[in-house]
Amino acid sequence: MDYKKSKAPVNTVTRDVVELWNETNNIYESVAIIAKRANQISIEIKQDLSKKLAEFASYSDSLEEVFENREQIEISRYYEKLPKPTLLATQEFLDNNVYWRDPSKDGLEHEESQA
């Protein structure tokens, strides 16, 4: 997923608690859903970054040699400018792009459109 095209803000913003509470009728449940999605996004981004940086890895035994590759720096800057995973997850939740369910509620499922 291209997180740069997300509508999520890059900086922290104040959220209306009622807006978060509306979907689940429980603010703590909403925050737990957002936190779990943020962890998933964080893992995706880390794996993607590791995969891209692995292409530039040089396996030398010398610790004195440190090569700075221009492409590596650009990739790192791109990922630094991305919105934080919590902001991405919150925006997905508010846009109803998160699928979640609560197995403790008699098989009732809450489905939202899959991202």
C-alpha atoms as a PDB file:
ATOM      1  CA  MET A   1       0.000   0.000   0.000  1.00  0.00           C
ATOM      2  CA  ASP A   2       1.275   3.460  -0.830  1.00  0.00           C
ATOM      3  CA  TYR A   3       0.962   5.288   2.464  1.00  0.00           C
ATOM      4  CA  LYS A   4       2.143   8.554   0.940  1.00  0.00           C
ATOM      5  CA  LYS A   5      -1.185   8.824  -0.912  1.00  0.00           C
ATOM      6  CA  SER A   6      -3.154   8.467   2.318  1.00  0.00           C
ATOM      7  CA  LYS A   7      -5.268  11.367   3.545  1.00  0.00           C
ATOM      8  CA  ALA A   8      -3.713  10.976   6.996  1.00  0.00           C
ATOM      9  CA  PRO A   9      -2.082  14.114   8.399  1.00  0.00           C
ATOM     10  CA  VAL A  10       1.689  14.137   8.813  1.00  0.00           C
ATOM     11  CA  ASN A  11       1.493  15.970  12.143  1.00  0.00           C
ATOM     12  CA  THR A  12      -0.521  15.164  15.232  1.00  0.00           C
ATOM     13  CA  VAL A  13      -4.051  16.542  15.202  1.00  0.00           C
ATOM     14  CA  THR A  14      -6.707  16.857  17.881  1.00  0.00           C
ATOM     15  CA  ARG A  15      -9.532  14.369  17.344  1.00  0.00           C
ATOM     16  CA  ASP A  16     -13.161  14.586  18.360  1.00  0.00           C
ATOM     17  CA  VAL A  17     -13.708  11.747  20.843  1.00  0.00           C
ATOM     18  CA  VAL A  18     -17.338  11.373  19.775  1.00  0.00           C
ATOM     19  CA  GLU A  19     -16.203  10.717  16.207  1.00  0.00           C
ATOM     20  CA  LEU A  20     -14.070   7.809  17.451  1.00  0.00           C
ATOM     21  CA  TRP A  21     -16.757   6.574  19.825  1.00  0.00           C
ATOM     22  CA  ASN A  22     -19.584   6.457  17.263  1.00  0.00           C
ATOM     23  CA  GLU A  23     -18.473   3.306  15.466  1.00  0.00           C
ATOM     24  CA  THR A  24     -18.055   1.017  18.496  1.00  0.00           C
ATOM     25  CA  ASN A  25     -20.002   2.824  21.234  1.00  0.00           C
ATOM     26  CA  ASN A  26     -16.898   2.408  23.373  1.00  0.00           C
ATOM     27  CA  ILE A  27     -13.903   4.744  23.146  1.00  0.00           C
ATOM     28  CA  TYR A  28     -11.554   2.150  24.649  1.00  0.00           C
ATOM     29  CA  GLU A  29     -12.550  -0.441  22.067  1.00  0.00           C
ATOM     30  CA  SER A  30     -12.005   2.089  19.288  1.00  0.00           C
ATOM     31  CA  VAL A  31      -8.561   2.954  20.607  1.00  0.00           C
ATOM     32  CA  ALA A  32      -7.676  -0.755  20.878  1.00  0.00           C
ATOM     33  CA  ILE A  33      -8.738  -1.317  17.249  1.00  0.00           C
ATOM     34  CA  ILE A  34      -6.689   1.667  16.095  1.00  0.00           C
ATOM     35  CA  ALA A  35      -3.673   0.495  18.121  1.00  0.00           C
ATOM     36  CA  LYS A  36      -3.776  -2.999  16.618  1.00  0.00           C
ATOM     37  CA  ARG A  37      -4.058  -1.580  13.099  1.00  0.00           C
ATOM     38  CA  ALA A  38      -1.178   0.826  13.816  1.00  0.00           C
ATOM     39  CA  ASN A  39       0.980  -2.154  14.828  1.00  0.00           C
ATOM     40  CA  GLN A  40       0.090  -3.924  11.569  1.00  0.00           C
ATOM     41  CA  ILE A  41       0.955  -0.830   9.534  1.00  0.00           C
ATOM     42  CA  SER A  42       4.222  -0.382  11.416  1.00  0.00           C
ATOM     43  CA  ILE A  43       5.242  -3.958  10.668  1.00  0.00           C
ATOM     44  CA  GLU A  44       4.339  -3.536   6.967  1.00  0.00           C
ATOM     45  CA  ILE A  45       6.374  -0.343   6.680  1.00  0.00           C
ATOM     46  CA  LYS A  46       9.351  -1.861   8.494  1.00  0.00           C
ATOM     47  CA  GLN A  47       9.343  -4.948   6.262  1.00  0.00           C
ATOM     48  CA  ASP A  48       9.052  -2.796   3.141  1.00  0.00           C
ATOM     49  CA  LEU A  49      11.911  -0.544   4.242  1.00  0.00           C
ATOM     50  CA  SER A  50      14.107  -3.495   5.189  1.00  0.00           C
ATOM     51  CA  LYS A  51      13.469  -5.126   1.821  1.00  0.00           C
ATOM     52  CA  LYS A  52      14.396  -1.944  -0.053  1.00  0.00           C
ATOM     53  CA  LEU A  53      17.519  -1.301   2.026  1.00  0.00           C
ATOM     54  CA  ALA A  54      18.644  -4.931   1.722  1.00  0.00           C
ATOM     55  CA  GLU A  55      19.305  -4.283  -1.956  1.00  0.00           C
ATOM     56  CA  PHE A  56      22.082  -1.894  -0.962  1.00  0.00           C
ATOM     57  CA  ALA A  57      23.622  -4.065   1.745  1.00  0.00           C
ATOM     58  CA  SER A  58      27.317  -4.713   1.370  1.00  0.00           C
ATOM     59  CA  TYR A  59      28.673  -7.575   3.389  1.00  0.00           C
ATOM     60  CA  SER A  60      32.208  -6.577   4.253  1.00  0.00           C
ATOM     61  CA  ASP A  61      34.074  -7.565   7.376  1.00  0.00           C
ATOM     62  CA  SER A  62      35.570  -4.141   7.893  1.00  0.00           C
ATOM     63  CA  LEU A  63      33.678  -1.916  10.307  1.00  0.00           C
ATOM     64  CA  GLU A  64      35.780   1.072   9.286  1.00  0.00           C
ATOM     65  CA  GLU A  65      34.287   1.240   5.823  1.00  0.00           C
ATOM     66  CA  VAL A  66      30.932   2.963   5.779  1.00  0.00           C
ATOM     67  CA  PHE A  67      29.491   3.773   2.395  1.00  0.00           C
ATOM     68  CA  GLU A  68      26.668   6.241   2.049  1.00  0.00           C
ATOM     69  CA  ASN A  69      24.616   5.501  -0.984  1.00  0.00           C
ATOM     70  CA  ARG A  70      22.542   8.336  -2.409  1.00  0.00           C
ATOM     71  CA  GLU A  71      19.600   6.019  -3.141  1.00  0.00           C
ATOM     72  CA  GLN A  72      19.658   4.692   0.415  1.00  0.00           C
ATOM     73  CA  ILE A  73      19.445   8.227   1.747  1.00  0.00           C
ATOM     74  CA  GLU A  74      16.512   9.043  -0.537  1.00  0.00           C
ATOM     75  CA  ILE A  75      14.643   5.902   0.541  1.00  0.00           C
ATOM     76  CA  SER A  76      15.236   6.757   4.191  1.00  0.00           C
ATOM     77  CA  ARG A  77      13.998  10.308   3.685  1.00  0.00           C
ATOM     78  CA  TYR A  78      10.870   9.028   1.961  1.00  0.00           C
ATOM     79  CA  TYR A  79      10.024   6.813   4.947  1.00  0.00           C
ATOM     80  CA  GLU A  80      10.817   9.589   7.426  1.00  0.00           C
ATOM     81  CA  LYS A  81       8.265  11.852   5.727  1.00  0.00           C
ATOM     82  CA  LEU A  82       5.459   9.295   5.892  1.00  0.00           C
ATOM     83  CA  PRO A  83       2.696   9.833   8.444  1.00  0.00           C
ATOM     84  CA  LYS A  84       3.168   7.833  11.628  1.00  0.00           C
ATOM     85  CA  PRO A  85       1.378   4.456  11.804  1.00  0.00           C
ATOM     86  CA  THR A  86      -0.997   5.701  14.518  1.00  0.00           C
ATOM     87  CA  LEU A  87      -2.110   8.596  12.310  1.00  0.00           C
ATOM     88  CA  LEU A  88      -2.579   6.261   9.345  1.00  0.00           C
ATOM     89  CA  ALA A  89      -4.580   3.790  11.451  1.00  0.00           C
ATOM     90  CA  THR A  90      -6.768   6.535  12.920  1.00  0.00           C
ATOM     91  CA  GLN A  91      -7.542   7.900   9.468  1.00  0.00           C
ATOM     92  CA  GLU A  92      -8.385   4.401   8.187  1.00  0.00           C
ATOM     93  CA  PHE A  93     -10.694   3.879  11.172  1.00  0.00           C
ATOM     94  CA  LEU A  94     -12.471   7.188  10.628  1.00  0.00           C
ATOM     95  CA  ASP A  95     -12.856   6.422   6.903  1.00  0.00           C
ATOM     96  CA  ASN A  96     -14.357   2.993   7.747  1.00  0.00           C
ATOM     97  CA  ASN A  97     -11.516   1.192   5.979  1.00  0.00           C
ATOM     98  CA  VAL A  98     -10.765  -1.167   8.856  1.00  0.00           C
ATOM     99  CA  TYR A  99     -12.302  -4.610   9.253  1.00  0.00           C
ATOM    100  CA  TRP A 100     -12.815  -5.611  12.876  1.00  0.00           C
ATOM    101  CA  ARG A 101     -14.955  -7.966  14.890  1.00  0.00           C
ATOM    102  CA  ASP A 102     -15.580  -8.811  18.525  1.00  0.00           C
ATOM    103  CA  PRO A 103     -15.872 -12.579  19.017  1.00  0.00           C
ATOM    104  CA  SER A 104     -17.240 -12.111  22.545  1.00  0.00           C
ATOM    105  CA  LYS A 105     -20.498 -10.570  21.262  1.00  0.00           C
ATOM    106  CA  ASP A 106     -22.590 -13.643  20.317  1.00  0.00           C
ATOM    107  CA  GLY A 107     -21.229 -13.969  16.803  1.00  0.00           C
ATOM    108  CA  LEU A 108     -22.272 -10.467  15.795  1.00  0.00           C
ATOM    109  CA  GLU A 109     -19.716  -9.115  13.388  1.00  0.00           C
ATOM    110  CA  HIS A 110     -18.937  -5.522  12.645  1.00  0.00           C
ATOM    111  CA  GLU A 111     -17.755  -5.297   9.072  1.00  0.00           C
ATOM    112  CA  GLU A 112     -16.400  -2.254   7.364  1.00  0.00           C
ATOM    113  CA  SER A 113     -15.025  -2.019   3.879  1.00  0.00           C
ATOM    114  CA  GLN A 114     -11.627  -3.658   3.613  1.00  0.00           C
ATOM    115  CA  ALA A 115      -8.706  -1.334   2.924  1.00  0.00           C
END
